[in-house]
Protein backbone atom coordinates (compact mmCIF):
# COMPACT_ATOMS: atom_id res chain seq x y z
CA MET A 1 0.00 0.00 0.00
CA SER A 2 2.97 2.32 -0.32
CA GLY A 3 1.79 3.77 -3.64
CA ILE A 4 -1.67 4.77 -2.40
CA CYS A 5 -2.63 8.21 -1.12
CA GLN A 6 -4.06 8.01 2.41
CA VAL A 7 -6.36 11.00 1.88
CA THR A 8 -7.75 10.62 -1.64
CA GLY A 9 -7.10 6.92 -2.25
CA ARG A 10 -5.33 7.58 -5.54
CA ARG A 11 -3.34 4.61 -6.83
CA ALA A 12 -1.56 3.58 -10.01
CA VAL A 13 -3.74 3.11 -13.07
CA SER A 14 -2.79 1.22 -16.21
CA GLY A 15 -2.80 2.54 -19.73
CA ASN A 16 -0.88 2.40 -22.98
CA LYS A 17 2.43 3.90 -24.01
CA VAL A 18 1.93 4.91 -27.65
CA SER A 19 4.97 5.19 -29.88
CA ARG A 20 5.33 7.40 -32.92
CA ALA A 21 4.54 4.36 -35.06
CA ASN A 22 1.33 3.94 -33.00
CA ASN A 23 2.56 0.75 -31.30
CA LYS A 24 0.87 0.28 -27.95
CA THR A 25 2.47 -1.29 -24.87
CA LYS A 26 1.10 -1.43 -21.35
CA ARG A 27 2.41 0.94 -18.70
CA LEU A 28 1.48 2.33 -15.28
CA PHE A 29 0.57 5.92 -14.46
CA LYS A 30 1.69 6.33 -10.85
CA PRO A 31 0.46 9.12 -8.55
CA ASN A 32 2.90 11.66 -7.15
CA ILE A 33 3.04 10.34 -3.55
CA ARG A 34 4.97 12.19 -0.84
CA SER A 35 5.54 11.40 2.82
CA GLN A 36 4.64 14.61 4.64
CA ARG A 37 4.30 15.70 8.26
CA PHE A 38 1.35 17.88 9.23
CA TRP A 39 0.85 19.71 12.54
CA LEU A 40 -2.50 18.98 14.19
CA ALA A 41 -3.02 21.99 16.44
CA SER A 42 -6.20 20.51 17.95
CA GLU A 43 -4.29 17.44 19.21
CA ASN A 44 -0.95 19.24 19.71
CA ARG A 45 1.03 16.64 17.71
CA TRP A 46 2.56 15.89 14.33
CA VAL A 47 0.89 13.46 11.92
CA ARG A 48 2.86 11.76 9.13
CA LEU A 49 0.77 10.96 6.05
CA ARG A 50 1.59 9.52 2.63
CA VAL A 51 -0.32 11.90 0.39
CA SER A 52 -0.44 12.82 -3.28
CA THR A 53 0.33 16.37 -4.32
CA ALA A 54 -3.36 16.82 -5.18
CA ALA A 55 -4.21 15.85 -1.59
CA MET A 56 -1.72 18.46 -0.34
CA ARG A 57 -3.69 21.10 -2.24
CA THR A 58 -6.90 19.76 -0.68
CA ILE A 59 -5.31 20.03 2.77
CA ASP A 60 -4.22 23.61 2.01
CA LYS A 61 -7.76 24.47 0.92
CA ASN A 62 -9.82 22.74 3.64
CA GLY A 63 -7.31 22.52 6.49
CA ILE A 64 -5.68 19.48 8.05
CA ASP A 65 -8.25 19.24 10.86
CA ALA A 66 -11.15 18.88 8.40
CA VAL A 67 -9.25 16.33 6.30
CA VAL A 68 -8.31 14.22 9.35
CA ALA A 69 -11.91 14.36 10.60
CA GLY A 70 -13.09 13.08 7.22
CA MET A 71 -10.52 10.29 7.27
CA ARG A 72 -11.71 9.21 10.72
CA ARG A 73 -15.36 9.23 9.53
CA GLU A 74 -14.30 6.79 6.79
CA GLY A 75 -12.70 4.55 9.40
CA LYS A 76 -9.08 5.26 8.50
CA ARG A 77 -6.54 5.33 11.34
CA VAL A 78 -4.56 8.56 11.76
């Protein structure tokens, strides 16, 4: 589960690499996953999450407290 975003659930999807001669071979499109620490002011502690860069933008927009609350509603451990 190292290539899965803990917030959005994004994971690798398969597709085709298409050459100039229009030959198609299978490949994976992997998400941009980063291990990032976030400060939870409400709990006075750091939380380390493996998140995609899109999830980082979501955290910037909504706040880490709202994102963690949503993760806990879904039953994910933080």
